[in-house]
Amino acid sequence: MIRRSKSTCALMVLSLLGVGCDGVNSGEGPTLEVEPARPVQTPNQRLSEVFDGFGPTDAAPRDLPAEWQERLDAREVDYGAALRVASLRTRGELPSMLELAVIDGIDDQSRAYEVLVDEFLDDPRFLRMLFAFFRDAMKMGGDETLDSAPAFAADVVFQDRPFSEIFTARSGTCPTYADSSEGPEIEPGDCDNAVEVHAGLLTHPGVMQHFYSNLAFRRVRWVQETFACRAFPAEFGEPRDVGGEGDYFAPWDFLSIAGESNGGRVDFHDVESAVCANCHATMNHIAPLFARFDEQGRWQEDIAVPLPLDGFPVALRTDWLPEGEPAAWRMGVVVENMTELGEALAADEEVAACVVARVWNWGLGRGDAVGDMELVPASVTADVRRAYSESGNRLKAAFRATLLSPDFVRF
């Protein structure tokens, strides 16, 4: 049983996020000594020195080492090989001999390849691959309840609807996926978990059930890592000394979240083992919005998640935020309900960049942006991001642009 102490926040981070707020491994072992003169950095800060990141930047590509540039320049266009990979990605099967013959027997291979890619993206088998794609991205699947959210996302993309519907759709968000020898099929369906106004996957009962946890933090983490492609901490400001070993670098006021000094039963102001507020400044402003979904993913009139304290008492809003502090997606983006949260996510440029990066990693055979730290510089995906934006944020356009990109057809 978890005992209340000044380091409760650290215990929660270890149990819910698996890593301390400052990114240091939480397992027992020898203590790492940090040079006093060297500022403490989070993984996100360290990586930001190497990558453009997922934000809405127009940064020019950085100069590559000469050896890397030589290897890139040595690649040659091979539409036959690209067609094989594209077919495996979109249909799960190699192209037919006839399709390969079309590529080999025509002068304008680029145009022939483009036409075939368009056919692949309209093939019903692509729906099956999309379903698998979103199962992996969402870390969900295995039964009808857990398959419903990936099925909804796959259907939105396959039907070429705006990806914003993932966060804003009012109906049809609980479909059923079925696969047979005749191909995949998605049967439309509405969610029935007592939500008055649905907001895409943000109110999906399968998601809420699967990521149920103390203080709803697993639900918050799922949204952040799946759709913003970065682990917490999510926001950065000027570092400030708050009396701990490390600096406080979230842009929020340090007392904008709850702690022992302003009414909270968990001390999110604790700085002994880590500056908890670096993560929780953002997390605590989002979590109350998810707190009324119970363990089965049903909406309740009152808060339905516990605190990680003796007896696991039900949380109060003041355990996240002091009286009068509004919920928010990010600093300056106040949201009062799930509808407004969905609209904020749909309008967030970082979310757009994240889903494009996920598609790019899928196409180029890379791992997960968060779990495998397979980050993609914004300059690399600029053309795909542009295609996504110009299509009205339809993700199928990003899949198409990835398969047609110069990097995809060169070997």
Protein backbone atom coordinates (compact mmCIF):
# COMPACT_ATOMS: atom_id res chain seq x y z
CA MET A 1 0.00 0.00 0.00
CA ILE A 2 1.28 3.48 -0.85
CA ARG A 3 1.92 5.67 2.17
CA ARG A 4 1.46 9.38 2.05
CA SER A 5 4.69 11.31 2.17
CA LYS A 6 6.28 14.40 0.75
CA SER A 7 7.55 12.27 -2.14
CA THR A 8 4.12 10.91 -3.12
CA CYS A 9 4.42 12.61 -6.49
CA ALA A 10 7.62 10.72 -7.20
CA LEU A 11 5.93 7.43 -6.29
CA MET A 12 3.05 8.24 -8.61
CA VAL A 13 5.40 9.07 -11.46
CA LEU A 14 7.26 5.80 -10.96
CA SER A 15 4.08 3.74 -10.88
CA LEU A 16 2.15 5.51 -13.62
CA LEU A 17 4.78 6.78 -16.01
CA GLY A 18 7.59 4.37 -15.23
CA VAL A 19 10.16 7.14 -15.07
CA GLY A 20 10.79 10.20 -12.95
CA CYS A 21 9.72 13.64 -14.10
CA ASP A 22 13.28 14.49 -15.00
CA GLY A 23 13.65 11.35 -17.11
CA VAL A 24 16.10 9.55 -14.76
CA ASN A 25 15.59 5.79 -14.44
CA SER A 26 13.75 5.02 -11.22
CA GLY A 27 15.09 1.55 -10.43
CA GLU A 28 17.21 0.86 -7.39
CA GLY A 29 20.93 0.99 -7.88
CA PRO A 30 23.93 3.25 -7.55
CA THR A 31 23.22 6.96 -7.57
CA LEU A 32 24.39 8.86 -10.62
CA GLU A 33 26.41 11.93 -9.75
CA VAL A 34 25.70 14.96 -11.89
CA GLU A 35 28.38 17.56 -12.36
CA PRO A 36 27.21 20.66 -10.46
CA ALA A 37 28.20 23.02 -13.25
CA ARG A 38 26.20 21.11 -15.84
CA PRO A 39 22.48 22.03 -16.06
CA VAL A 40 20.01 19.17 -15.68
CA GLN A 41 18.20 18.38 -18.91
CA THR A 42 15.22 16.22 -19.72
CA PRO A 43 15.33 13.76 -22.65
CA ASN A 44 13.11 16.11 -24.65
CA GLN A 45 15.49 19.01 -24.07
CA ARG A 46 18.51 16.95 -25.05
CA LEU A 47 16.83 15.70 -28.19
CA SER A 48 15.71 19.19 -29.13
CA GLU A 49 19.36 20.06 -29.57
CA VAL A 50 19.62 17.41 -32.28
CA PHE A 51 16.22 17.44 -33.99
CA ASP A 52 13.94 20.15 -35.29
CA GLY A 53 11.20 18.34 -33.37
CA PHE A 54 7.52 18.03 -34.18
CA GLY A 55 6.57 21.66 -33.81
CA PRO A 56 5.40 24.02 -36.55
CA THR A 57 8.89 25.06 -37.61
CA ASP A 58 10.23 26.05 -40.99
CA ALA A 59 13.80 25.29 -40.05
CA ALA A 60 16.11 24.59 -42.95
CA PRO A 61 17.70 21.14 -43.11
CA ARG A 62 20.88 20.99 -41.08
CA ASP A 63 24.23 20.32 -42.70
CA LEU A 64 24.98 16.61 -42.64
CA PRO A 65 28.40 15.06 -42.16
CA ALA A 66 30.07 14.54 -45.52
CA GLU A 67 29.92 10.73 -45.23
CA TRP A 68 26.16 10.79 -44.61
CA GLN A 69 25.56 13.14 -47.52
CA GLU A 70 27.62 10.91 -49.83
CA ARG A 71 25.54 7.89 -48.88
CA LEU A 72 22.31 9.78 -49.47
CA ASP A 73 23.52 10.98 -52.84
CA ALA A 74 24.50 7.44 -53.79
CA ARG A 75 20.93 6.19 -53.59
CA GLU A 76 19.22 5.39 -56.88
CA VAL A 77 15.55 5.53 -57.84
CA ASP A 78 14.03 2.06 -58.13
CA TYR A 79 10.29 2.14 -58.75
CA GLY A 80 10.07 -1.63 -58.89
CA ALA A 81 11.49 -1.98 -55.38
CA ALA A 82 9.38 0.94 -54.16
CA LEU A 83 6.25 -0.70 -55.54
CA ARG A 84 7.02 -3.89 -53.64
CA VAL A 85 7.43 -2.01 -50.37
CA ALA A 86 4.36 0.17 -51.01
CA SER A 87 2.23 -2.88 -51.72
CA LEU A 88 3.39 -4.62 -48.54
CA ARG A 89 2.70 -1.48 -46.51
CA THR A 90 -0.78 -0.85 -47.90
CA ARG A 91 -2.07 -4.32 -48.77
CA GLY A 92 0.07 -6.72 -46.82
CA GLU A 93 1.00 -8.52 -50.01
CA LEU A 94 3.55 -8.20 -52.79
CA PRO A 95 2.39 -6.61 -56.06
CA SER A 96 1.16 -8.86 -58.85
CA MET A 97 3.33 -9.78 -61.80
CA LEU A 98 1.12 -7.57 -63.96
CA GLU A 99 1.65 -4.57 -61.68
CA LEU A 100 5.39 -5.09 -61.74
CA ALA A 101 5.29 -5.48 -65.52
CA VAL A 102 3.53 -2.12 -65.82
CA ILE A 103 6.39 -0.45 -63.95
CA ASP A 104 9.10 -2.29 -65.92
CA GLY A 105 7.52 -1.80 -69.33
CA ILE A 106 6.72 1.91 -69.38
CA ASP A 107 8.93 4.93 -69.99
CA ASP A 108 7.21 7.17 -67.44
CA GLN A 109 7.74 4.94 -64.42
CA SER A 110 7.09 7.79 -62.02
CA ARG A 111 3.56 8.31 -63.34
CA ALA A 112 2.83 4.58 -63.45
CA TYR A 113 4.01 4.21 -59.86
CA GLU A 114 1.82 7.12 -58.78
CA VAL A 115 -1.28 5.58 -60.39
CA LEU A 116 -0.63 2.23 -58.74
CA VAL A 117 -0.10 3.86 -55.33
CA ASP A 118 -3.49 5.57 -55.67
CA GLU A 119 -5.04 2.19 -56.40
CA PHE A 120 -3.34 0.70 -53.35
CA LEU A 121 -4.75 3.43 -51.10
CA ASP A 122 -8.28 2.71 -52.34
CA ASP A 123 -7.88 -1.04 -51.98
CA PRO A 124 -10.01 -2.55 -49.14
CA ARG A 125 -6.88 -4.30 -47.90
CA PHE A 126 -5.50 -0.89 -46.95
CA LEU A 127 -8.26 -0.69 -44.34
CA ARG A 128 -6.78 -3.80 -42.71
CA MET A 129 -3.33 -2.23 -42.65
CA LEU A 130 -4.72 1.02 -41.23
CA PHE A 131 -6.41 -0.94 -38.47
CA ALA A 132 -3.07 -2.55 -37.57
CA PHE A 133 -1.34 0.85 -37.80
CA PHE A 134 -3.69 2.44 -35.26
CA ARG A 135 -3.63 -0.60 -33.00
CA ASP A 136 0.12 -0.13 -32.72
CA ALA A 137 -0.03 3.65 -32.37
CA MET A 138 -2.78 3.57 -29.72
CA LYS A 139 -1.48 0.49 -27.89
CA MET A 140 -4.95 -1.01 -27.97
CA GLY A 141 -6.56 -4.11 -29.41
CA GLY A 142 -7.41 -7.75 -28.79
CA ASP A 143 -11.15 -7.76 -28.24
CA GLU A 144 -14.21 -5.93 -29.53
CA THR A 145 -14.00 -3.18 -26.92
CA LEU A 146 -10.30 -2.47 -27.42
CA ASP A 147 -10.49 -2.80 -31.21
CA SER A 148 -13.23 -0.20 -31.53
CA ALA A 149 -11.02 2.89 -31.17
CA PRO A 150 -8.42 1.77 -33.76
CA ALA A 151 -11.29 0.77 -36.04
CA PHE A 152 -12.81 4.25 -35.82
CA ALA A 153 -9.48 5.91 -36.62
CA ALA A 154 -8.87 3.52 -39.53
CA ASP A 155 -12.32 4.23 -40.94
CA VAL A 156 -11.82 8.01 -40.72
CA VAL A 157 -8.59 7.73 -42.72
CA PHE A 158 -9.81 5.16 -45.25
CA GLN A 159 -12.96 7.18 -45.97
CA ASP A 160 -10.70 10.22 -46.48
CA ARG A 161 -12.35 12.29 -43.78
CA PRO A 162 -10.51 15.04 -41.83
CA PHE A 163 -8.35 13.56 -39.12
CA SER A 164 -9.77 16.14 -36.71
CA GLU A 165 -12.81 13.87 -36.40
CA ILE A 166 -10.65 11.65 -34.20
CA PHE A 167 -11.11 14.35 -31.54
CA THR A 168 -14.40 16.00 -32.51
CA ALA A 169 -16.82 13.41 -33.92
CA ARG A 170 -20.17 13.40 -32.10
CA SER A 171 -21.38 10.03 -33.37
CA GLY A 172 -20.20 6.81 -34.96
CA THR A 173 -17.16 6.60 -32.68
CA CYS A 174 -17.69 2.99 -31.51
CA PRO A 175 -17.68 0.90 -34.72
CA THR A 176 -17.04 -2.84 -34.92
CA TYR A 177 -14.18 -4.27 -36.97
CA ALA A 178 -14.51 -7.63 -38.69
CA ASP A 179 -12.19 -9.42 -41.08
CA SER A 180 -12.84 -12.44 -43.26
CA SER A 181 -11.76 -14.04 -46.50
CA GLU A 182 -13.88 -11.43 -48.25
CA GLY A 183 -11.86 -8.64 -46.68
CA PRO A 184 -12.07 -6.22 -43.73
CA GLU A 185 -15.28 -4.46 -42.84
CA ILE A 186 -16.19 -1.78 -40.31
CA GLU A 187 -19.75 -1.69 -39.01
CA PRO A 188 -20.71 1.81 -37.79
CA GLY A 189 -21.79 2.19 -34.19
CA ASP A 190 -22.31 4.80 -31.49
CA CYS A 191 -20.76 4.72 -28.03
CA ASP A 192 -23.13 4.14 -25.13
CA ASN A 193 -21.25 5.16 -22.00
CA ALA A 194 -23.55 7.90 -20.68
CA VAL A 195 -21.63 10.76 -22.32
CA GLU A 196 -23.96 13.59 -23.27
CA VAL A 197 -21.80 15.03 -26.05
CA HIS A 198 -19.10 12.80 -27.48
CA ALA A 199 -15.69 14.07 -28.58
CA GLY A 200 -14.20 11.41 -30.82
CA LEU A 201 -11.80 9.07 -29.06
CA LEU A 202 -11.51 11.41 -26.07
CA THR A 203 -14.79 10.03 -24.72
CA HIS A 204 -14.45 6.49 -26.09
CA PRO A 205 -15.34 3.88 -23.43
CA GLY A 206 -12.67 1.44 -24.62
CA VAL A 207 -9.95 4.07 -24.28
CA MET A 208 -11.21 5.24 -20.90
CA GLN A 209 -11.43 1.66 -19.60
CA HIS A 210 -8.06 0.56 -20.95
CA PHE A 211 -6.19 3.54 -19.51
CA TYR A 212 -8.00 3.80 -16.17
CA SER A 213 -5.63 4.78 -13.34
CA ASN A 214 -5.09 6.86 -10.23
CA LEU A 215 -5.94 10.51 -10.91
CA ALA A 216 -6.62 9.69 -14.61
CA PHE A 217 -2.96 10.23 -15.44
CA ARG A 218 -2.67 7.20 -17.74
CA ARG A 219 -5.42 8.69 -19.92
CA VAL A 220 -3.54 11.98 -20.07
CA ARG A 221 -0.30 10.19 -20.91
CA TRP A 222 -2.06 8.26 -23.69
CA VAL A 223 -3.31 11.46 -25.33
CA GLN A 224 0.08 13.17 -25.01
CA GLU A 225 2.23 10.33 -26.32
CA THR A 226 -0.17 9.12 -29.02
CA PHE A 227 -1.06 12.47 -30.52
CA ALA A 228 1.79 14.81 -29.54
CA CYS A 229 4.55 12.19 -29.97
CA ARG A 230 6.46 13.28 -26.88
CA ALA A 231 6.61 11.96 -23.34
CA PHE A 232 6.07 14.38 -20.51
CA PRO A 233 7.22 17.05 -19.75
CA ALA A 234 5.25 18.67 -22.56
CA GLU A 235 5.91 22.40 -22.10
CA PHE A 236 9.07 24.39 -21.53
CA GLY A 237 9.75 27.87 -20.27
CA GLU A 238 12.60 29.70 -18.62
CA PRO A 239 14.25 27.56 -15.91
CA ARG A 240 13.54 28.73 -12.36
CA ASP A 241 15.03 27.74 -9.03
CA VAL A 242 12.32 26.31 -6.76
CA GLY A 243 14.66 24.93 -4.13
CA GLY A 244 15.32 21.46 -5.50
CA GLU A 245 18.24 19.73 -7.15
CA GLY A 246 16.94 20.67 -10.60
CA ASP A 247 15.23 23.70 -12.07
CA TYR A 248 11.52 24.16 -12.66
CA PHE A 249 11.14 24.82 -16.39
CA ALA A 250 7.40 24.55 -17.13
CA PRO A 251 5.90 27.87 -18.27
CA TRP A 252 3.08 27.71 -15.69
CA ASP A 253 3.21 29.42 -12.34
CA PHE A 254 4.64 26.90 -9.86
CA LEU A 255 1.53 27.20 -7.65
CA SER A 256 -0.94 26.82 -10.52
CA ILE A 257 -1.22 23.14 -9.56
CA ALA A 258 -2.16 21.65 -6.21
CA GLY A 259 0.21 20.69 -3.43
CA GLU A 260 0.30 20.50 0.33
CA SER A 261 0.62 24.27 0.52
CA ASN A 262 -2.59 25.04 -1.38
CA GLY A 263 -5.12 22.32 -0.64
CA GLY A 264 -3.90 19.21 -2.44
CA ARG A 265 -3.55 15.85 -0.73
CA VAL A 266 -0.65 14.92 -3.02
CA ASP A 267 2.33 17.25 -2.97
CA PHE A 268 2.96 18.03 -6.62
CA HIS A 269 5.27 20.79 -5.40
CA ASP A 270 7.72 18.20 -4.08
CA VAL A 271 11.29 18.81 -5.25
CA GLU A 272 13.23 16.24 -3.23
CA SER A 273 13.65 13.43 -5.77
CA ALA A 274 12.51 15.35 -8.86
CA VAL A 275 10.79 18.60 -9.64
CA CYS A 276 7.40 16.94 -10.05
CA ALA A 277 5.76 20.08 -11.37
CA ASN A 278 7.81 19.96 -14.57
CA CYS A 279 5.50 17.18 -15.75
CA HIS A 280 2.46 17.85 -13.62
CA ALA A 281 2.09 21.52 -14.54
CA THR A 282 0.62 20.24 -17.81
CA MET A 283 -0.77 16.89 -16.62
CA ASN A 284 -2.78 18.37 -13.78
CA HIS A 285 -4.47 20.88 -16.05
CA ILE A 286 -5.71 18.09 -18.35
CA ALA A 287 -6.49 15.21 -15.99
CA PRO A 288 -9.68 16.59 -14.36
CA LEU A 289 -11.39 16.42 -17.76
CA PHE A 290 -10.93 12.62 -17.80
CA ALA A 291 -11.70 12.07 -14.12
CA ARG A 292 -15.42 11.30 -14.41
CA PHE A 293 -14.96 8.15 -16.46
CA ASP A 294 -15.07 5.13 -14.19
CA GLU A 295 -13.16 1.85 -14.39
CA GLN A 296 -15.52 0.61 -17.11
CA GLY A 297 -15.16 3.78 -19.16
CA ARG A 298 -18.63 5.09 -18.28
CA TRP A 299 -19.24 8.76 -17.57
CA GLN A 300 -20.30 9.55 -13.99
CA GLU A 301 -21.76 12.67 -12.48
CA ASP A 302 -18.93 12.81 -9.95
CA ILE A 303 -15.18 12.15 -10.10
CA ALA A 304 -14.57 8.40 -10.44
CA VAL A 305 -10.79 7.95 -10.11
CA PRO A 306 -8.84 7.38 -6.89
CA LEU A 307 -5.82 8.87 -5.21
CA PRO A 308 -2.76 6.63 -4.61
CA LEU A 309 -3.05 7.05 -0.83
CA ASP A 310 -4.09 4.75 2.02
CA GLY A 311 -7.57 3.43 1.30
CA PHE A 312 -7.49 4.88 -2.24
CA PRO A 313 -9.97 7.71 -1.57
CA VAL A 314 -11.82 9.24 -4.51
CA ALA A 315 -9.99 12.25 -5.90
CA LEU A 316 -11.25 15.80 -5.58
CA ARG A 317 -10.67 18.51 -8.17
CA THR A 318 -8.49 20.34 -5.64
CA ASP A 319 -6.10 17.38 -5.71
CA TRP A 320 -5.06 18.49 -9.21
CA LEU A 321 -5.64 22.24 -9.23
CA PRO A 322 -6.25 24.91 -6.59
CA GLU A 323 -9.64 26.57 -6.37
CA GLY A 324 -10.34 28.80 -9.36
CA GLU A 325 -7.64 27.34 -11.65
CA PRO A 326 -9.21 26.28 -14.97
CA ALA A 327 -8.40 23.14 -16.93
CA ALA A 328 -6.27 23.62 -20.04
CA TRP A 329 -4.67 21.66 -22.87
CA ARG A 330 -1.62 23.90 -22.82
CA MET A 331 -0.77 27.16 -21.12
CA GLY A 332 -3.06 29.77 -22.67
CA VAL A 333 -5.41 27.12 -24.14
CA VAL A 334 -8.16 26.92 -21.53
CA VAL A 335 -10.72 24.14 -22.04
CA GLU A 336 -13.83 23.64 -19.95
CA ASN A 337 -15.01 20.28 -21.27
CA MET A 338 -14.17 17.38 -23.59
CA THR A 339 -15.65 19.16 -26.61
CA GLU A 340 -13.26 22.07 -26.17
CA LEU A 341 -10.36 19.71 -25.51
CA GLY A 342 -11.10 17.96 -28.80
CA GLU A 343 -11.19 21.28 -30.63
CA ALA A 344 -7.86 22.26 -29.06
CA LEU A 345 -6.21 19.02 -30.16
CA ALA A 346 -7.65 19.37 -33.67
CA ALA A 347 -6.15 22.87 -33.97
CA ASP A 348 -2.75 22.04 -32.42
CA GLU A 349 0.12 22.17 -34.90
CA GLU A 350 2.17 19.80 -32.78
CA VAL A 351 -0.58 17.18 -33.08
CA ALA A 352 -0.62 17.61 -36.86
CA ALA A 353 3.14 17.21 -37.01
CA CYS A 354 2.96 14.13 -34.79
CA VAL A 355 0.46 12.20 -36.91
CA VAL A 356 2.48 13.05 -40.03
CA ALA A 357 5.64 11.78 -38.32
CA ARG A 358 3.87 8.54 -37.42
CA VAL A 359 2.91 8.03 -41.05
CA TRP A 360 6.48 8.76 -42.16
CA ASN A 361 7.89 6.23 -39.70
CA TRP A 362 5.36 3.67 -40.97
CA GLY A 363 6.40 4.23 -44.58
CA LEU A 364 10.13 4.18 -43.98
CA GLY A 365 10.01 1.19 -41.64
CA ARG A 366 11.00 3.11 -38.53
CA GLY A 367 9.87 2.46 -34.96
CA ASP A 368 7.56 4.35 -32.64
CA ALA A 369 8.20 8.06 -32.18
CA VAL A 370 7.93 7.77 -28.39
CA GLY A 371 8.66 4.20 -27.35
CA ASP A 372 11.57 3.78 -29.76
CA MET A 373 12.51 7.48 -29.76
CA GLU A 374 12.32 7.45 -33.56
CA LEU A 375 12.01 11.21 -33.92
CA VAL A 376 11.78 12.80 -37.34
CA PRO A 377 13.15 16.29 -38.04
CA ALA A 378 10.43 18.63 -39.28
CA SER A 379 12.55 19.45 -42.35
CA VAL A 380 12.41 15.77 -43.44
CA THR A 381 8.63 15.55 -43.40
CA ALA A 382 7.96 19.07 -44.73
CA ASP A 383 6.47 17.89 -48.05
CA VAL A 384 4.26 15.30 -46.34
CA ARG A 385 3.13 17.86 -43.79
CA ARG A 386 2.28 20.27 -46.62
CA ALA A 387 0.22 17.63 -48.44
CA TYR A 388 -1.64 16.86 -45.22
CA SER A 389 -2.42 20.53 -44.62
CA GLU A 390 -3.46 21.28 -48.20
CA SER A 391 -5.85 18.31 -48.20
CA GLY A 392 -7.79 19.72 -45.28
CA ASN A 393 -5.94 17.55 -42.73
CA ARG A 394 -6.89 14.27 -44.37
CA LEU A 395 -4.35 11.70 -43.28
CA LYS A 396 -4.71 9.64 -46.43
CA ALA A 397 -2.93 12.49 -48.22
CA ALA A 398 0.00 12.07 -45.82
CA PHE A 399 0.16 8.34 -46.56
CA ARG A 400 0.15 9.12 -50.28
CA ALA A 401 2.84 11.80 -50.00
CA THR A 402 5.02 9.44 -47.97
CA LEU A 403 4.80 6.66 -50.57
CA LEU A 404 5.57 9.13 -53.36
CA SER A 405 8.41 10.93 -51.57
CA PRO A 406 11.91 10.89 -53.07
CA ASP A 407 13.22 9.13 -49.96
CA PHE A 408 10.73 6.28 -50.32
CA VAL A 409 11.59 5.46 -53.96
CA ARG A 410 15.38 5.65 -53.54
CA PHE A 411 17.50 2.70 -52.44
